[in-house]
C-alpha atoms as a PDB file:
ATOM      1  CA  UNK A   1     -64.858 -44.571   2.922  1.00  0.00           C
ATOM      2  CA  UNK A   2     -67.095 -43.224   5.367  1.00  0.00           C
ATOM      3  CA  UNK A   3     -68.110 -39.644   5.146  1.00  0.00           C
ATOM      4  CA  UNK A   4     -66.805 -39.055   1.769  1.00  0.00           C
ATOM      5  CA  UNK A   5     -68.456 -38.932  -1.866  1.00  0.00           C
ATOM      6  CA  UNK A   6     -68.004 -41.921  -3.481  1.00  0.00           C
ATOM      7  CA  UNK A   7     -66.382 -39.466  -6.616  1.00  0.00           C
ATOM      8  CA  UNK A   8     -63.692 -37.694  -4.389  1.00  0.00           C
ATOM      9  CA  UNK A   9     -62.238 -41.609  -3.432  1.00  0.00           C
ATOM     10  CA  UNK A  10     -59.563 -41.434  -6.103  1.00  0.00           C
ATOM     11  CA  UNK A  11     -56.675 -44.709  -5.605  1.00  0.00           C
ATOM     12  CA  UNK A  12     -54.477 -42.526  -3.755  1.00  0.00           C
ATOM     13  CA  UNK A  13     -56.571 -40.518  -1.265  1.00  0.00           C
ATOM     14  CA  UNK A  14     -57.862 -44.393  -0.326  1.00  0.00           C
ATOM     15  CA  UNK A  15     -54.514 -45.762  -0.249  1.00  0.00           C
ATOM     16  CA  UNK A  16     -53.428 -42.331   2.164  1.00  0.00           C
ATOM     17  CA  UNK A  17     -56.171 -43.265   4.382  1.00  0.00           C
ATOM     18  CA  UNK A  18     -55.200 -47.215   4.514  1.00  0.00           C
ATOM     19  CA  UNK A  19     -52.056 -46.351   5.177  1.00  0.00           C
ATOM     20  CA  UNK A  20     -52.622 -43.558   7.897  1.00  0.00           C
ATOM     21  CA  UNK A  21     -55.059 -45.516   9.583  1.00  0.00           C
ATOM     22  CA  UNK A  22     -57.882 -42.843   8.817  1.00  0.00           C
ATOM     23  CA  UNK A  23     -55.845 -39.927   9.940  1.00  0.00           C
ATOM     24  CA  UNK A  24     -55.801 -37.123   7.384  1.00  0.00           C
ATOM     25  CA  UNK A  25     -55.147 -33.989   6.564  1.00  0.00           C
ATOM     26  CA  UNK A  26     -57.020 -30.884   5.627  1.00  0.00           C
ATOM     27  CA  UNK A  27     -54.058 -30.384   2.558  1.00  0.00           C
ATOM     28  CA  UNK A  28     -54.658 -34.152   1.385  1.00  0.00           C
ATOM     29  CA  UNK A  29     -58.615 -33.715   1.497  1.00  0.00           C
ATOM     30  CA  UNK A  30     -58.384 -30.896  -0.318  1.00  0.00           C
ATOM     31  CA  UNK A  31     -56.136 -32.424  -2.940  1.00  0.00           C
ATOM     32  CA  UNK A  32     -59.071 -34.958  -3.389  1.00  0.00           C
ATOM     33  CA  UNK A  33     -61.570 -32.401  -3.928  1.00  0.00           C
ATOM     34  CA  UNK A  34     -63.008 -32.659  -0.505  1.00  0.00           C
ATOM     35  CA  UNK A  35     -63.266 -28.560   0.516  1.00  0.00           C
ATOM     36  CA  UNK A  36     -63.169 -26.917   3.969  1.00  0.00           C
ATOM     37  CA  UNK A  37     -67.052 -26.630   4.505  1.00  0.00           C
ATOM     38  CA  UNK A  38     -67.474 -30.371   3.549  1.00  0.00           C
ATOM     39  CA  UNK A  39     -65.097 -31.128   6.311  1.00  0.00           C
ATOM     40  CA  UNK A  40     -66.956 -29.117   8.463  1.00  0.00           C
ATOM     41  CA  UNK A  41     -70.063 -30.612   8.013  1.00  0.00           C
ATOM     42  CA  UNK A  42     -68.551 -34.358   8.791  1.00  0.00           C
ATOM     43  CA  UNK A  43     -67.265 -33.125  12.082  1.00  0.00           C
ATOM     44  CA  UNK A  44     -70.508 -31.012  13.112  1.00  0.00           C
ATOM     45  CA  UNK A  45     -72.158 -34.543  12.253  1.00  0.00           C
ATOM     46  CA  UNK A  46     -69.996 -36.418  14.441  1.00  0.00           C
ATOM     47  CA  UNK A  47     -68.782 -38.452  11.222  1.00  0.00           C
ATOM     48  CA  UNK A  48     -65.399 -37.082  11.869  1.00  0.00           C
ATOM     49  CA  UNK A  49     -63.495 -35.750  14.561  1.00  0.00           C
ATOM     50  CA  UNK A  50     -60.588 -32.842  14.725  1.00  0.00           C
ATOM     51  CA  UNK A  51     -57.906 -34.234  16.659  1.00  0.00           C
ATOM     52  CA  UNK A  52     -55.070 -31.523  16.312  1.00  0.00           C
ATOM     53  CA  UNK A  53     -55.233 -28.617  13.882  1.00  0.00           C
ATOM     54  CA  UNK A  54     -55.585 -29.624  10.126  1.00  0.00           C
ATOM     55  CA  UNK A  55     -55.572 -33.297  11.212  1.00  0.00           C
ATOM     56  CA  UNK A  56     -58.808 -35.677  11.314  1.00  0.00           C
ATOM     57  CA  UNK A  57     -59.892 -38.833  12.012  1.00  0.00           C
ATOM     58  CA  UNK A  58     -62.443 -40.630   9.712  1.00  0.00           C
ATOM     59  CA  UNK A  59     -64.574 -42.080  12.759  1.00  0.00           C
ATOM     60  CA  UNK A  60     -65.573 -40.666  15.886  1.00  0.00           C
ATOM     61  CA  UNK A  61     -63.689 -43.492  18.653  1.00  0.00           C
ATOM     62  CA  UNK A  62     -60.747 -42.785  20.761  1.00  0.00           C
ATOM     63  CA  UNK A  63     -57.772 -42.637  18.739  1.00  0.00           C
ATOM     64  CA  UNK A  64     -55.032 -45.649  19.531  1.00  0.00           C
ATOM     65  CA  UNK A  65     -51.481 -45.043  20.470  1.00  0.00           C
ATOM     66  CA  UNK A  66     -50.557 -45.472  16.997  1.00  0.00           C
ATOM     67  CA  UNK A  67     -52.932 -43.319  15.179  1.00  0.00           C
ATOM     68  CA  UNK A  68     -51.793 -40.819  17.504  1.00  0.00           C
ATOM     69  CA  UNK A  69     -48.309 -41.084  16.613  1.00  0.00           C
ATOM     70  CA  UNK A  70     -49.498 -40.500  12.975  1.00  0.00           C
ATOM     71  CA  UNK A  71     -51.538 -37.768  13.678  1.00  0.00           C
ATOM     72  CA  UNK A  72     -48.356 -35.958  15.866  1.00  0.00           C
ATOM     73  CA  UNK A  73     -46.233 -36.593  12.936  1.00  0.00           C
ATOM     74  CA  UNK A  74     -48.477 -35.309  10.168  1.00  0.00           C
ATOM     75  CA  UNK A  75     -49.074 -32.011  11.889  1.00  0.00           C
ATOM     76  CA  UNK A  76     -45.626 -31.535  12.863  1.00  0.00           C
ATOM     77  CA  UNK A  77     -44.601 -32.079   9.525  1.00  0.00           C
ATOM     78  CA  UNK A  78     -41.600 -33.261   7.772  1.00  0.00           C
ATOM     79  CA  UNK A  79     -38.797 -33.282   9.023  1.00  0.00           C
ATOM     80  CA  UNK A  80     -40.007 -34.422  12.754  1.00  0.00           C
ATOM     81  CA  UNK A  81     -39.088 -37.418  15.180  1.00  0.00           C
ATOM     82  CA  UNK A  82     -40.892 -39.024  17.930  1.00  0.00           C
ATOM     83  CA  UNK A  83     -38.908 -38.874  21.047  1.00  0.00           C
ATOM     84  CA  UNK A  84     -39.605 -39.699  24.403  1.00  0.00           C
ATOM     85  CA  UNK A  85     -42.377 -41.976  26.265  1.00  0.00           C
ATOM     86  CA  UNK A  86     -44.461 -42.235  22.520  1.00  0.00           C
ATOM     87  CA  UNK A  87     -40.594 -43.772  21.458  1.00  0.00           C
ATOM     88  CA  UNK A  88     -40.069 -45.614  23.855  1.00  0.00           C
ATOM     89  CA  UNK A  89     -43.237 -47.194  23.610  1.00  0.00           C
ATOM     90  CA  UNK A  90     -42.587 -47.992  20.224  1.00  0.00           C
ATOM     91  CA  UNK A  91     -39.371 -50.378  21.391  1.00  0.00           C
ATOM     92  CA  UNK A  92     -41.310 -52.156  24.214  1.00  0.00           C
ATOM     93  CA  UNK A  93     -39.742 -50.590  26.664  1.00  0.00           C
ATOM     94  CA  UNK A  94     -41.844 -51.937  30.409  1.00  0.00           C
ATOM     95  CA  UNK A  95     -40.964 -48.517  32.318  1.00  0.00           C
ATOM     96  CA  UNK A  96     -42.489 -46.035  29.630  1.00  0.00           C
ATOM     97  CA  UNK A  97     -44.736 -43.860  31.533  1.00  0.00           C
ATOM     98  CA  UNK A  98     -48.327 -44.373  30.292  1.00  0.00           C
ATOM     99  CA  UNK A  99     -48.127 -40.431  28.913  1.00  0.00           C
ATOM    100  CA  UNK A 100     -50.966 -39.521  26.446  1.00  0.00           C
ATOM    101  CA  UNK A 101     -49.064 -36.685  24.548  1.00  0.00           C
ATOM    102  CA  UNK A 102     -46.619 -37.394  21.724  1.00  0.00           C
ATOM    103  CA  UNK A 103     -43.423 -35.637  22.411  1.00  0.00           C
ATOM    104  CA  UNK A 104     -41.645 -34.363  18.860  1.00  0.00           C
ATOM    105  CA  UNK A 105     -38.707 -32.799  17.694  1.00  0.00           C
ATOM    106  CA  UNK A 106     -38.746 -30.453  14.784  1.00  0.00           C
ATOM    107  CA  UNK A 107     -35.871 -28.356  13.767  1.00  0.00           C
ATOM    108  CA  UNK A 108     -35.608 -25.370  15.730  1.00  0.00           C
ATOM    109  CA  UNK A 109     -36.279 -22.663  12.914  1.00  0.00           C
ATOM    110  CA  UNK A 110     -39.957 -24.768  12.453  1.00  0.00           C
ATOM    111  CA  UNK A 111     -42.802 -22.363  14.461  1.00  0.00           C
ATOM    112  CA  UNK A 112     -44.860 -25.572  15.105  1.00  0.00           C
ATOM    113  CA  UNK A 113     -46.135 -25.172  18.648  1.00  0.00           C
ATOM    114  CA  UNK A 114     -47.377 -27.672  21.496  1.00  0.00           C
ATOM    115  CA  UNK A 115     -51.252 -28.323  21.136  1.00  0.00           C
ATOM    116  CA  UNK A 116     -53.940 -30.901  22.190  1.00  0.00           C
ATOM    117  CA  UNK A 117     -51.641 -34.392  22.740  1.00  0.00           C
ATOM    118  CA  UNK A 118     -48.466 -33.134  20.885  1.00  0.00           C
ATOM    119  CA  UNK A 119     -45.608 -31.664  23.091  1.00  0.00           C
ATOM    120  CA  UNK A 120     -43.512 -29.879  20.059  1.00  0.00           C
ATOM    121  CA  UNK A 121     -39.243 -29.623  21.158  1.00  0.00           C
ATOM    122  CA  UNK A 122     -37.010 -27.512  18.760  1.00  0.00           C
ATOM    123  CA  UNK A 123     -34.071 -28.952  18.574  1.00  0.00           C
ATOM    124  CA  UNK A 124     -30.443 -27.762  17.235  1.00  0.00           C
ATOM    125  CA  UNK A 125     -29.737 -31.232  16.251  1.00  0.00           C
ATOM    126  CA  UNK A 126     -32.155 -34.156  15.005  1.00  0.00           C
ATOM    127  CA  UNK A 127     -31.462 -37.541  15.998  1.00  0.00           C
ATOM    128  CA  UNK A 128     -28.956 -39.113  13.213  1.00  0.00           C
ATOM    129  CA  UNK A 129     -29.845 -42.301  14.748  1.00  0.00           C
ATOM    130  CA  UNK A 130     -33.599 -41.989  14.311  1.00  0.00           C
ATOM    131  CA  UNK A 131     -35.139 -44.814  12.379  1.00  0.00           C
ATOM    132  CA  UNK A 132     -37.877 -44.981  10.306  1.00  0.00           C
ATOM    133  CA  UNK A 133     -40.990 -46.697  11.693  1.00  0.00           C
ATOM    134  CA  UNK A 134     -43.229 -46.955   8.764  1.00  0.00           C
ATOM    135  CA  UNK A 135     -44.906 -43.171   8.459  1.00  0.00           C
ATOM    136  CA  UNK A 136     -42.544 -41.470  10.682  1.00  0.00           C
ATOM    137  CA  UNK A 137     -39.706 -41.235  12.289  1.00  0.00           C
ATOM    138  CA  UNK A 138     -38.643 -42.788  16.141  1.00  0.00           C
ATOM    139  CA  UNK A 139     -35.635 -41.388  17.826  1.00  0.00           C
ATOM    140  CA  UNK A 140     -33.063 -44.003  18.945  1.00  0.00           C
ATOM    141  CA  UNK A 141     -33.210 -45.270  22.647  1.00  0.00           C
ATOM    142  CA  UNK A 142     -30.824 -43.626  23.835  1.00  0.00           C
ATOM    143  CA  UNK A 143     -32.331 -39.962  22.371  1.00  0.00           C
ATOM    144  CA  UNK A 144     -35.847 -40.993  23.680  1.00  0.00           C
ATOM    145  CA  UNK A 145     -34.338 -41.976  27.000  1.00  0.00           C
ATOM    146  CA  UNK A 146     -32.445 -38.569  27.890  1.00  0.00           C
ATOM    147  CA  UNK A 147     -35.450 -36.424  26.338  1.00  0.00           C
ATOM    148  CA  UNK A 148     -38.017 -37.994  28.577  1.00  0.00           C
ATOM    149  CA  UNK A 149     -35.441 -37.908  31.364  1.00  0.00           C
ATOM    150  CA  UNK A 150     -35.281 -34.084  30.610  1.00  0.00           C
ATOM    151  CA  UNK A 151     -38.997 -33.833  30.470  1.00  0.00           C
ATOM    152  CA  UNK A 152     -39.623 -34.982  34.228  1.00  0.00           C
ATOM    153  CA  UNK A 153     -38.129 -34.620  37.741  1.00  0.00           C
ATOM    154  CA  UNK A 154     -39.224 -38.013  38.608  1.00  0.00           C
ATOM    155  CA  UNK A 155     -35.648 -39.416  39.980  1.00  0.00           C
ATOM    156  CA  UNK A 156     -37.683 -43.106  40.136  1.00  0.00           C
ATOM    157  CA  UNK A 157     -38.623 -42.814  36.987  1.00  0.00           C
ATOM    158  CA  UNK A 158     -35.784 -41.776  34.891  1.00  0.00           C
ATOM    159  CA  UNK A 159     -33.977 -43.908  36.936  1.00  0.00           C
ATOM    160  CA  UNK A 160     -36.369 -47.085  35.997  1.00  0.00           C
ATOM    161  CA  UNK A 161     -35.954 -45.969  31.990  1.00  0.00           C
ATOM    162  CA  UNK A 162     -32.343 -45.548  31.730  1.00  0.00           C
ATOM    163  CA  UNK A 163     -31.720 -48.921  33.420  1.00  0.00           C
ATOM    164  CA  UNK A 164     -33.905 -50.699  31.309  1.00  0.00           C
ATOM    165  CA  UNK A 165     -32.141 -49.146  28.301  1.00  0.00           C
ATOM    166  CA  UNK A 166     -28.868 -50.532  29.558  1.00  0.00           C
ATOM    167  CA  UNK A 167     -29.884 -53.435  31.408  1.00  0.00           C
ATOM    168  CA  UNK A 168     -32.031 -55.213  27.992  1.00  0.00           C
ATOM    169  CA  UNK A 169     -29.249 -53.117  25.790  1.00  0.00           C
ATOM    170  CA  UNK A 170     -31.434 -51.106  24.043  1.00  0.00           C
ATOM    171  CA  UNK A 171     -28.792 -48.014  24.377  1.00  0.00           C
ATOM    172  CA  UNK A 172     -24.912 -48.461  25.826  1.00  0.00           C
ATOM    173  CA  UNK A 173     -23.603 -46.225  28.320  1.00  0.00           C
ATOM    174  CA  UNK A 174     -21.375 -44.639  25.917  1.00  0.00           C
ATOM    175  CA  UNK A 175     -24.469 -43.853  23.871  1.00  0.00           C
ATOM    176  CA  UNK A 176     -26.375 -42.066  26.838  1.00  0.00           C
ATOM    177  CA  UNK A 177     -23.254 -40.125  27.659  1.00  0.00           C
ATOM    178  CA  UNK A 178     -23.132 -38.945  24.091  1.00  0.00           C
ATOM    179  CA  UNK A 179     -26.552 -37.899  24.096  1.00  0.00           C
ATOM    180  CA  UNK A 180     -26.214 -36.172  27.744  1.00  0.00           C
ATOM    181  CA  UNK A 181     -23.389 -34.027  26.339  1.00  0.00           C
ATOM    182  CA  UNK A 182     -25.221 -33.363  23.362  1.00  0.00           C
ATOM    183  CA  UNK A 183     -28.079 -31.572  25.672  1.00  0.00           C
ATOM    184  CA  UNK A 184     -25.562 -29.810  27.557  1.00  0.00           C
ATOM    185  CA  UNK A 185     -26.756 -28.260  31.184  1.00  0.00           C
ATOM    186  CA  UNK A 186     -30.258 -27.267  29.656  1.00  0.00           C
ATOM    187  CA  UNK A 187     -32.514 -29.600  32.328  1.00  0.00           C
ATOM    188  CA  UNK A 188     -29.967 -32.561  32.554  1.00  0.00           C
ATOM    189  CA  UNK A 189     -29.513 -32.588  36.227  1.00  0.00           C
ATOM    190  CA  UNK A 190     -31.246 -35.965  36.846  1.00  0.00           C
ATOM    191  CA  UNK A 191     -30.484 -37.793  34.180  1.00  0.00           C
ATOM    192  CA  UNK A 192     -26.713 -36.573  35.016  1.00  0.00           C
ATOM    193  CA  UNK A 193     -27.679 -38.269  38.340  1.00  0.00           C
ATOM    194  CA  UNK A 194     -28.493 -41.532  36.957  1.00  0.00           C
ATOM    195  CA  UNK A 195     -26.057 -41.831  34.473  1.00  0.00           C
ATOM    196  CA  UNK A 196     -23.713 -41.626  37.122  1.00  0.00           C
ATOM    197  CA  UNK A 197     -25.068 -44.511  38.955  1.00  0.00           C
ATOM    198  CA  UNK A 198     -25.177 -46.820  35.725  1.00  0.00           C
ATOM    199  CA  UNK A 199     -21.353 -46.110  35.308  1.00  0.00           C
ATOM    200  CA  UNK A 200     -20.748 -47.285  39.025  1.00  0.00           C
ATOM    201  CA  UNK A 201     -22.448 -50.265  38.165  1.00  0.00           C
ATOM    202  CA  UNK A 202     -26.234 -50.023  39.179  1.00  0.00           C
ATOM    203  CA  UNK A 203     -28.454 -51.508  37.476  1.00  0.00           C
ATOM    204  CA  UNK A 204     -32.142 -51.137  38.474  1.00  0.00           C
ATOM    205  CA  UNK A 205     -34.022 -48.474  40.197  1.00  0.00           C
ATOM    206  CA  UNK A 206     -34.036 -50.175  43.229  1.00  0.00           C
ATOM    207  CA  UNK A 207     -30.531 -51.074  43.349  1.00  0.00           C
ATOM    208  CA  UNK A 208     -29.911 -47.307  42.986  1.00  0.00           C
ATOM    209  CA  UNK A 209     -32.388 -46.974  46.121  1.00  0.00           C
ATOM    210  CA  UNK A 210     -30.885 -49.347  47.937  1.00  0.00           C
ATOM    211  CA  UNK A 211     -27.148 -47.400  47.177  1.00  0.00           C
ATOM    212  CA  UNK A 212     -28.788 -44.046  47.992  1.00  0.00           C
ATOM    213  CA  UNK A 213     -29.627 -45.593  51.371  1.00  0.00           C
ATOM    214  CA  UNK A 214     -26.656 -47.394  51.838  1.00  0.00           C
ATOM    215  CA  UNK A 215     -24.526 -44.554  51.384  1.00  0.00           C
ATOM    216  CA  UNK A 216     -26.027 -42.404  53.906  1.00  0.00           C
ATOM    217  CA  UNK A 217     -24.607 -45.020  56.434  1.00  0.00           C
ATOM    218  CA  UNK A 218     -21.547 -44.168  58.817  1.00  0.00           C
ATOM    219  CA  UNK A 219     -20.768 -47.624  59.571  1.00  0.00           C
ATOM    220  CA  UNK A 220     -20.767 -49.368  56.047  1.00  0.00           C
ATOM    221  CA  UNK A 221     -18.066 -48.452  53.695  1.00  0.00           C
ATOM    222  CA  UNK A 222     -18.784 -48.199  49.792  1.00  0.00           C
ATOM    223  CA  UNK A 223     -20.083 -51.150  48.028  1.00  0.00           C
ATOM    224  CA  UNK A 224     -18.906 -52.169  45.077  1.00  0.00           C
ATOM    225  CA  UNK A 225     -22.432 -52.485  42.715  1.00  0.00           C
ATOM    226  CA  UNK A 226     -22.355 -55.572  40.041  1.00  0.00           C
ATOM    227  CA  UNK A 227     -18.454 -56.144  40.422  1.00  0.00           C
ATOM    228  CA  UNK A 228     -17.531 -59.127  38.045  1.00  0.00           C
ATOM    229  CA  UNK A 229     -16.038 -61.876  40.453  1.00  0.00           C
ATOM    230  CA  UNK A 230     -13.899 -64.995  39.568  1.00  0.00           C
ATOM    231  CA  UNK A 231     -11.958 -67.317  41.570  1.00  0.00           C
ATOM    232  CA  UNK A 232      -7.976 -67.670  42.063  1.00  0.00           C
ATOM    233  CA  UNK A 233      -8.185 -70.315  39.684  1.00  0.00           C
ATOM    234  CA  UNK A 234     -10.379 -68.347  37.150  1.00  0.00           C
ATOM    235  CA  UNK A 235     -14.206 -69.283  37.434  1.00  0.00           C
ATOM    236  CA  UNK A 236     -16.481 -66.660  37.163  1.00  0.00           C
ATOM    237  CA  UNK A 237     -18.943 -66.222  40.112  1.00  0.00           C
ATOM    238  CA  UNK A 238     -22.656 -64.815  40.088  1.00  0.00           C
ATOM    239  CA  UNK A 239     -22.725 -61.093  39.878  1.00  0.00           C
ATOM    240  CA  UNK A 240     -23.957 -59.693  43.143  1.00  0.00           C
ATOM    241  CA  UNK A 241     -26.103 -56.450  43.203  1.00  0.00           C
ATOM    242  CA  UNK A 242     -23.517 -55.206  45.755  1.00  0.00           C
ATOM    243  CA  UNK A 243     -20.544 -56.550  47.456  1.00  0.00           C
ATOM    244  CA  UNK A 244     -18.473 -55.644  50.558  1.00  0.00           C
ATOM    245  CA  UNK A 245     -15.227 -57.245  50.159  1.00  0.00           C
ATOM    246  CA  UNK A 246     -13.727 -57.050  53.592  1.00  0.00           C
ATOM    247  CA  UNK A 247     -17.232 -58.322  54.930  1.00  0.00           C
ATOM    248  CA  UNK A 248     -17.187 -61.088  52.357  1.00  0.00           C
ATOM    249  CA  UNK A 249     -21.219 -59.758  52.143  1.00  0.00           C
ATOM    250  CA  UNK A 250     -22.951 -59.543  48.929  1.00  0.00           C
ATOM    251  CA  UNK A 251     -26.768 -57.539  48.766  1.00  0.00           C
ATOM    252  CA  UNK A 252     -29.405 -58.603  46.519  1.00  0.00           C
ATOM    253  CA  UNK A 253     -32.519 -56.812  45.691  1.00  0.00           C
ATOM    254  CA  UNK A 254     -34.880 -59.134  44.813  1.00  0.00           C
ATOM    255  CA  UNK A 255     -38.287 -57.939  42.821  1.00  0.00           C
ATOM    256  CA  UNK A 256     -41.466 -60.321  43.402  1.00  0.00           C
ATOM    257  CA  UNK A 257     -41.186 -60.185  40.008  1.00  0.00           C
ATOM    258  CA  UNK A 258     -38.209 -62.474  39.387  1.00  0.00           C
ATOM    259  CA  UNK A 259     -39.386 -64.414  42.336  1.00  0.00           C
ATOM    260  CA  UNK A 260     -42.983 -65.623  41.083  1.00  0.00           C
ATOM    261  CA  UNK A 261     -42.143 -68.573  39.706  1.00  0.00           C
ATOM    262  CA  UNK A 262     -40.184 -71.551  40.484  1.00  0.00           C
ATOM    263  CA  UNK A 263     -37.823 -70.788  38.262  1.00  0.00           C
ATOM    264  CA  UNK A 264     -36.625 -67.625  39.793  1.00  0.00           C
ATOM    265  CA  UNK A 265     -36.605 -69.265  43.112  1.00  0.00           C
ATOM    266  CA  UNK A 266     -34.123 -71.854  41.996  1.00  0.00           C
ATOM    267  CA  UNK A 267     -31.654 -69.361  40.474  1.00  0.00           C
ATOM    268  CA  UNK A 268     -31.429 -67.691  43.336  1.00  0.00           C
ATOM    269  CA  UNK A 269     -30.535 -70.399  45.650  1.00  0.00           C
ATOM    270  CA  UNK A 270     -27.921 -71.537  42.849  1.00  0.00           C
ATOM    271  CA  UNK A 271     -26.884 -68.065  42.927  1.00  0.00           C
ATOM    272  CA  UNK A 272     -26.285 -68.187  46.637  1.00  0.00           C
ATOM    273  CA  UNK A 273     -24.721 -71.312  46.731  1.00  0.00           C
ATOM    274  CA  UNK A 274     -22.314 -70.171  44.529  1.00  0.00           C
ATOM    275  CA  UNK A 275     -21.181 -67.466  46.480  1.00  0.00           C
ATOM    276  CA  UNK A 276     -21.742 -69.347  49.705  1.00  0.00           C
ATOM    277  CA  UNK A 277     -18.973 -71.943  48.324  1.00  0.00           C
ATOM    278  CA  UNK A 278     -16.281 -69.680  48.341  1.00  0.00           C
ATOM    279  CA  UNK A 279     -17.687 -67.916  51.835  1.00  0.00           C
ATOM    280  CA  UNK A 280     -19.695 -64.883  50.395  1.00  0.00           C
ATOM    281  CA  UNK A 281     -22.846 -64.577  52.303  1.00  0.00           C
ATOM    282  CA  UNK A 282     -25.915 -62.787  50.684  1.00  0.00           C
ATOM    283  CA  UNK A 283     -28.660 -60.712  52.504  1.00  0.00           C
ATOM    284  CA  UNK A 284     -31.719 -60.300  50.564  1.00  0.00           C
ATOM    285  CA  UNK A 285     -33.740 -56.895  50.463  1.00  0.00           C
ATOM    286  CA  UNK A 286     -37.320 -56.268  48.258  1.00  0.00           C
ATOM    287  CA  UNK A 287     -37.687 -53.329  46.455  1.00  0.00           C
ATOM    288  CA  UNK A 288     -40.935 -52.438  48.912  1.00  0.00           C
ATOM    289  CA  UNK A 289     -39.106 -52.670  52.031  1.00  0.00           C
ATOM    290  CA  UNK A 290     -36.364 -50.288  50.747  1.00  0.00           C
ATOM    291  CA  UNK A 291     -38.964 -47.759  49.968  1.00  0.00           C
ATOM    292  CA  UNK A 292     -41.516 -48.055  52.767  1.00  0.00           C
ATOM    293  CA  UNK A 293     -38.894 -48.643  55.671  1.00  0.00           C
ATOM    294  CA  UNK A 294     -35.772 -47.556  54.677  1.00  0.00           C
ATOM    295  CA  UNK A 295     -34.345 -47.163  58.230  1.00  0.00           C
ATOM    296  CA  UNK A 296     -34.995 -50.938  59.233  1.00  0.00           C
ATOM    297  CA  UNK A 297     -33.350 -51.539  56.313  1.00  0.00           C
ATOM    298  CA  UNK A 298     -30.549 -49.832  56.915  1.00  0.00           C
ATOM    299  CA  UNK A 299     -30.373 -50.800  59.981  1.00  0.00           C
ATOM    300  CA  UNK A 300     -30.199 -54.435  59.123  1.00  0.00           C
ATOM    301  CA  UNK A 301     -27.636 -53.915  56.690  1.00  0.00           C
ATOM    302  CA  UNK A 302     -25.660 -52.572  59.044  1.00  0.00           C
ATOM    303  CA  UNK A 303     -26.257 -55.597  62.015  1.00  0.00           C
ATOM    304  CA  UNK A 304     -25.350 -58.149  59.366  1.00  0.00           C
ATOM    305  CA  UNK A 305     -22.143 -55.957  58.280  1.00  0.00           C
ATOM    306  CA  UNK A 306     -21.184 -55.568  61.743  1.00  0.00           C
ATOM    307  CA  UNK A 307     -21.085 -59.655  62.593  1.00  0.00           C
ATOM    308  CA  UNK A 308     -19.296 -60.323  59.450  1.00  0.00           C
ATOM    309  CA  UNK A 309     -16.664 -57.775  59.341  1.00  0.00           C
ATOM    310  CA  UNK A 310     -13.373 -58.959  61.128  1.00  0.00           C
ATOM    311  CA  UNK A 311     -14.958 -62.161  62.127  1.00  0.00           C
ATOM    312  CA  UNK A 312     -14.954 -64.200  58.688  1.00  0.00           C
ATOM    313  CA  UNK A 313     -11.472 -64.341  56.408  1.00  0.00           C
ATOM    314  CA  UNK A 314     -11.510 -62.436  53.767  1.00  0.00           C
ATOM    315  CA  UNK A 315     -12.936 -64.700  50.453  1.00  0.00           C
ATOM    316  CA  UNK A 316     -10.445 -65.992  47.554  1.00  0.00           C
ATOM    317  CA  UNK A 317     -12.329 -63.858  45.096  1.00  0.00           C
ATOM    318  CA  UNK A 318     -10.806 -61.392  42.176  1.00  0.00           C
ATOM    319  CA  UNK A 319     -12.511 -58.573  41.805  1.00  0.00           C
ATOM    320  CA  UNK A 320     -12.355 -57.440  37.842  1.00  0.00           C
ATOM    321  CA  UNK A 321     -11.882 -54.127  36.961  1.00  0.00           C
ATOM    322  CA  UNK A 322     -14.476 -52.962  34.575  1.00  0.00           C
END
């Protein structure tokens, strides 16, 4: 073990070092017979690093994400739970922000303070659905998403992670609602707003941005978002992002990622054809044009709607309640 006298490397310490990916605490080193002066010398020589109070890396390179999580949990002590962006990264969330901090929950009576890359949040209620991930606990996706949303005022980011949670079935609307209710009114305005959008059927951040834009119109009626449509003989139709029944008009938000391959294009054409067979026209928008040219996007949506409303028969389509 780099920098440790051979006599101090007991089998137990060797196991701790391996399990904790070379992150060790002062107490663990002291228990192995390596006292504070010896620790300080190794840090001064550049063999080890102090990464958090009484928490060390037995090496001199940058910490990996996993080492950060381990160090944060060792610093915060038991019981603690990793939440927010760090937790979402462990679940593979694509839209988890690249935040270098590790947010941890500790019981309210604990007196640990935020320091370095660790953001300590005291709570009256730890997450009962937290999962054990090796050496530390990770909050459930629902709790982690809401905790992240409470730490930011970035509406677009909050929409992205909450939509991803529902779309990829990391968490249900009921679970998100439960976490918002648990948090009460403490910094929950943004997550409440996004939860209402999701409840209304919006399923992505670009969809939410289009919805907000369309609702500023004095021309367009309120659209249905991601409605379940069936023909009168029971055939399930593709679900459009937004739908205005009286104009037989669907709106779709098309990301470059989805259409960057032939399968994505083929799926879009097939969806449009199926809706077209029952008289529904589909207008497509990209996230980029919604964000960069909202006025032009809105005017185009209104023109398409006005060309169709009253000019085409309502389709023989049933809208199935949620």
